[in-house]
Amino acid sequence: GVTSMTKPLLKGMEGVFIPVKDLERSAKWYEEILGFKLIYIEEEAAVMKISEQSQTVVCLVKTIKHQPMKFPENQFGVGKYYNFIPDDIEEAHRTLLTKNVKVNQISGEGTTKFFTFYDPDGNPLGVCQ
């Protein structure tokens, strides 16, 4: 039988991968717009840290036939692969708007709020609090 004492095999998310057309341009955008810190950039990828506290890195990968990430159609209302955690969702939303980023409106009920925004290559990225 399944016991609740099973030791977790994993303890977090090391990295997420985002397909981009132009590494230099995207790395600059993620740095200037989102405040990510560039760890290193090479021919095919740029590795960035979300924040000093975050264990998770974001790896921008230069793709050959680029297509924005597209989550398969579903009834759950999900259109992206992951959500980032903001300090303050209202402030994050306002800031992205002032920086002319394509941003959907905030939705959600009760204590959970979320929205989607898009990087220069049209990749949908989520924010959830």
C-alpha atoms as a PDB file:
ATOM      1  CA  GLY A   1       0.000   0.000   0.000  1.00  0.00           C
ATOM      2  CA  VAL A   2       0.925   3.651  -0.231  1.00  0.00           C
ATOM      3  CA  THR A   3       2.164   5.174   3.000  1.00  0.00           C
ATOM      4  CA  SER A   4       2.251   8.882   3.656  1.00  0.00           C
ATOM      5  CA  MET A   5       5.787   8.491   4.972  1.00  0.00           C
ATOM      6  CA  THR A   6       7.341   8.012   1.565  1.00  0.00           C
ATOM      7  CA  LYS A   7      10.466  10.151   1.404  1.00  0.00           C
ATOM      8  CA  PRO A   8      10.204  12.760  -1.378  1.00  0.00           C
ATOM      9  CA  LEU A   9      12.637  12.034  -4.184  1.00  0.00           C
ATOM     10  CA  LEU A  10      12.864  15.682  -5.210  1.00  0.00           C
ATOM     11  CA  LYS A  11      13.106  18.895  -3.267  1.00  0.00           C
ATOM     12  CA  GLY A  12      12.487  21.740  -5.630  1.00  0.00           C
ATOM     13  CA  MET A  13      12.752  23.064  -9.155  1.00  0.00           C
ATOM     14  CA  GLU A  14      16.315  23.567 -10.401  1.00  0.00           C
ATOM     15  CA  GLY A  15      15.588  25.196 -13.710  1.00  0.00           C
ATOM     16  CA  VAL A  16      12.960  26.080 -16.265  1.00  0.00           C
ATOM     17  CA  PHE A  17      13.696  26.390 -19.969  1.00  0.00           C
ATOM     18  CA  ILE A  18      12.261  29.083 -22.210  1.00  0.00           C
ATOM     19  CA  PRO A  19      12.670  29.005 -26.010  1.00  0.00           C
ATOM     20  CA  VAL A  20      13.842  32.284 -27.563  1.00  0.00           C
ATOM     21  CA  LYS A  21      14.937  33.559 -30.976  1.00  0.00           C
ATOM     22  CA  ASP A  22      17.660  36.009 -29.999  1.00  0.00           C
ATOM     23  CA  LEU A  23      19.640  35.282 -26.829  1.00  0.00           C
ATOM     24  CA  GLU A  24      21.210  38.710 -26.381  1.00  0.00           C
ATOM     25  CA  ARG A  25      17.905  40.506 -26.859  1.00  0.00           C
ATOM     26  CA  SER A  26      15.993  38.157 -24.564  1.00  0.00           C
ATOM     27  CA  ALA A  27      18.631  38.140 -21.815  1.00  0.00           C
ATOM     28  CA  LYS A  28      18.540  41.948 -21.846  1.00  0.00           C
ATOM     29  CA  TRP A  29      14.718  41.933 -21.656  1.00  0.00           C
ATOM     30  CA  TYR A  30      14.580  39.447 -18.763  1.00  0.00           C
ATOM     31  CA  GLU A  31      17.206  41.519 -16.957  1.00  0.00           C
ATOM     32  CA  GLU A  32      15.724  44.989 -17.574  1.00  0.00           C
ATOM     33  CA  ILE A  33      12.034  44.112 -17.337  1.00  0.00           C
ATOM     34  CA  LEU A  34      11.991  41.323 -14.748  1.00  0.00           C
ATOM     35  CA  GLY A  35      15.233  42.018 -12.872  1.00  0.00           C
ATOM     36  CA  PHE A  36      16.693  38.562 -13.499  1.00  0.00           C
ATOM     37  CA  LYS A  37      20.478  38.329 -13.067  1.00  0.00           C
ATOM     38  CA  LEU A  38      22.555  36.877 -15.866  1.00  0.00           C
ATOM     39  CA  ILE A  39      24.776  34.068 -14.581  1.00  0.00           C
ATOM     40  CA  TYR A  40      26.325  33.242 -17.940  1.00  0.00           C
ATOM     41  CA  ILE A  41      25.589  33.402 -21.640  1.00  0.00           C
ATOM     42  CA  GLU A  42      27.045  31.164 -24.326  1.00  0.00           C
ATOM     43  CA  GLU A  43      26.343  30.397 -27.977  1.00  0.00           C
ATOM     44  CA  GLU A  44      23.133  28.442 -27.419  1.00  0.00           C
ATOM     45  CA  ALA A  45      21.776  29.470 -24.026  1.00  0.00           C
ATOM     46  CA  ALA A  46      21.656  32.121 -21.315  1.00  0.00           C
ATOM     47  CA  VAL A  47      21.283  31.088 -17.689  1.00  0.00           C
ATOM     48  CA  MET A  48      19.631  33.591 -15.386  1.00  0.00           C
ATOM     49  CA  LYS A  49      18.767  33.717 -11.715  1.00  0.00           C
ATOM     50  CA  ILE A  50      15.243  34.885 -10.845  1.00  0.00           C
ATOM     51  CA  SER A  51      16.438  36.575  -7.632  1.00  0.00           C
ATOM     52  CA  GLU A  52      19.172  36.209  -5.051  1.00  0.00           C
ATOM     53  CA  GLN A  53      16.891  34.095  -2.851  1.00  0.00           C
ATOM     54  CA  SER A  54      15.561  31.851  -5.605  1.00  0.00           C
ATOM     55  CA  GLN A  55      17.063  28.417  -6.147  1.00  0.00           C
ATOM     56  CA  THR A  56      15.420  28.156  -9.555  1.00  0.00           C
ATOM     57  CA  VAL A  57      17.305  29.317 -12.617  1.00  0.00           C
ATOM     58  CA  VAL A  58      15.716  30.289 -15.904  1.00  0.00           C
ATOM     59  CA  CYS A  59      17.543  29.035 -18.958  1.00  0.00           C
ATOM     60  CA  LEU A  60      16.821  30.898 -22.174  1.00  0.00           C
ATOM     61  CA  VAL A  61      17.483  28.507 -25.046  1.00  0.00           C
ATOM     62  CA  LYS A  62      18.131  29.688 -28.586  1.00  0.00           C
ATOM     63  CA  THR A  63      15.772  27.720 -30.791  1.00  0.00           C
ATOM     64  CA  ILE A  64      16.130  26.960 -34.472  1.00  0.00           C
ATOM     65  CA  LYS A  65      12.519  27.099 -35.622  1.00  0.00           C
ATOM     66  CA  HIS A  66      11.127  29.197 -32.835  1.00  0.00           C
ATOM     67  CA  GLN A  67       7.545  28.822 -31.739  1.00  0.00           C
ATOM     68  CA  PRO A  68       6.192  30.353 -28.539  1.00  0.00           C
ATOM     69  CA  MET A  69       5.478  27.846 -25.774  1.00  0.00           C
ATOM     70  CA  LYS A  70       1.922  26.657 -26.215  1.00  0.00           C
ATOM     71  CA  PHE A  71       0.115  24.714 -23.551  1.00  0.00           C
ATOM     72  CA  PRO A  72      -2.372  22.198 -25.015  1.00  0.00           C
ATOM     73  CA  GLU A  73      -6.034  23.234 -24.984  1.00  0.00           C
ATOM     74  CA  ASN A  74      -7.842  22.345 -21.769  1.00  0.00           C
ATOM     75  CA  GLN A  75     -10.923  23.132 -19.686  1.00  0.00           C
ATOM     76  CA  PHE A  76      -8.897  24.149 -16.632  1.00  0.00           C
ATOM     77  CA  GLY A  77      -8.061  27.542 -18.119  1.00  0.00           C
ATOM     78  CA  VAL A  78      -4.295  27.023 -18.176  1.00  0.00           C
ATOM     79  CA  GLY A  79      -2.366  28.534 -21.070  1.00  0.00           C
ATOM     80  CA  LYS A  80       1.204  28.450 -19.773  1.00  0.00           C
ATOM     81  CA  TYR A  81       3.682  26.068 -18.231  1.00  0.00           C
ATOM     82  CA  TYR A  82       4.672  27.884 -15.049  1.00  0.00           C
ATOM     83  CA  ASN A  83       3.924  30.707 -12.653  1.00  0.00           C
ATOM     84  CA  PHE A  84       6.465  32.977 -11.025  1.00  0.00           C
ATOM     85  CA  ILE A  85       5.920  34.217  -7.464  1.00  0.00           C
ATOM     86  CA  PRO A  86       5.804  38.012  -6.989  1.00  0.00           C
ATOM     87  CA  ASP A  87       6.424  40.035  -3.836  1.00  0.00           C
ATOM     88  CA  ASP A  88       3.264  41.969  -4.603  1.00  0.00           C
ATOM     89  CA  ILE A  89       1.088  40.919  -7.530  1.00  0.00           C
ATOM     90  CA  GLU A  90      -0.617  44.300  -8.004  1.00  0.00           C
ATOM     91  CA  GLU A  91       2.717  46.071  -8.112  1.00  0.00           C
ATOM     92  CA  ALA A  92       4.212  43.483 -10.481  1.00  0.00           C
ATOM     93  CA  HIS A  93       1.223  43.910 -12.806  1.00  0.00           C
ATOM     94  CA  ARG A  94       1.458  47.724 -12.757  1.00  0.00           C
ATOM     95  CA  THR A  95       5.208  47.651 -13.354  1.00  0.00           C
ATOM     96  CA  LEU A  96       4.903  45.382 -16.391  1.00  0.00           C
ATOM     97  CA  LEU A  97       2.202  47.648 -17.827  1.00  0.00           C
ATOM     98  CA  THR A  98       4.380  50.742 -17.398  1.00  0.00           C
ATOM     99  CA  LYS A  99       7.202  48.903 -19.196  1.00  0.00           C
ATOM    100  CA  ASN A 100       4.918  48.260 -22.168  1.00  0.00           C
ATOM    101  CA  VAL A 101       4.831  44.507 -21.707  1.00  0.00           C
ATOM    102  CA  LYS A 102       1.819  42.627 -23.095  1.00  0.00           C
ATOM    103  CA  VAL A 103      -0.074  41.696 -19.929  1.00  0.00           C
ATOM    104  CA  ASN A 104      -3.462  40.091 -19.326  1.00  0.00           C
ATOM    105  CA  GLN A 105      -5.647  41.327 -16.474  1.00  0.00           C
ATOM    106  CA  ILE A 106      -5.385  39.929 -12.956  1.00  0.00           C
ATOM    107  CA  SER A 107      -7.911  37.220 -12.171  1.00  0.00           C
ATOM    108  CA  GLY A 108      -8.594  34.747  -9.399  1.00  0.00           C
ATOM    109  CA  GLU A 109     -10.795  34.423  -6.360  1.00  0.00           C
ATOM    110  CA  GLY A 110     -10.123  34.892  -2.676  1.00  0.00           C
ATOM    111  CA  THR A 111      -6.478  34.890  -1.708  1.00  0.00           C
ATOM    112  CA  THR A 112      -5.200  33.439  -4.993  1.00  0.00           C
ATOM    113  CA  LYS A 113      -4.598  35.919  -7.786  1.00  0.00           C
ATOM    114  CA  PHE A 114      -2.803  35.406 -11.069  1.00  0.00           C
ATOM    115  CA  PHE A 115      -2.103  36.890 -14.479  1.00  0.00           C
ATOM    116  CA  THR A 116      -0.243  36.075 -17.672  1.00  0.00           C
ATOM    117  CA  PHE A 117       2.297  38.232 -19.484  1.00  0.00           C
ATOM    118  CA  TYR A 118       4.382  37.670 -22.601  1.00  0.00           C
ATOM    119  CA  ASP A 119       8.084  37.917 -23.374  1.00  0.00           C
ATOM    120  CA  PRO A 120       9.346  39.449 -26.670  1.00  0.00           C
ATOM    121  CA  ASP A 121       8.997  36.071 -28.417  1.00  0.00           C
ATOM    122  CA  GLY A 122       5.374  35.645 -27.353  1.00  0.00           C
ATOM    123  CA  ASN A 123       6.066  33.064 -24.633  1.00  0.00           C
ATOM    124  CA  PRO A 124       3.282  33.165 -22.038  1.00  0.00           C
ATOM    125  CA  LEU A 125       4.578  33.503 -18.467  1.00  0.00           C
ATOM    126  CA  GLY A 126       2.448  33.404 -15.347  1.00  0.00           C
ATOM    127  CA  VAL A 127       2.519  35.268 -12.076  1.00  0.00           C
ATOM    128  CA  CYS A 128       0.606  33.840  -9.125  1.00  0.00           C
ATOM    129  CA  GLN A 129       0.213  34.952  -5.511  1.00  0.00           C
END
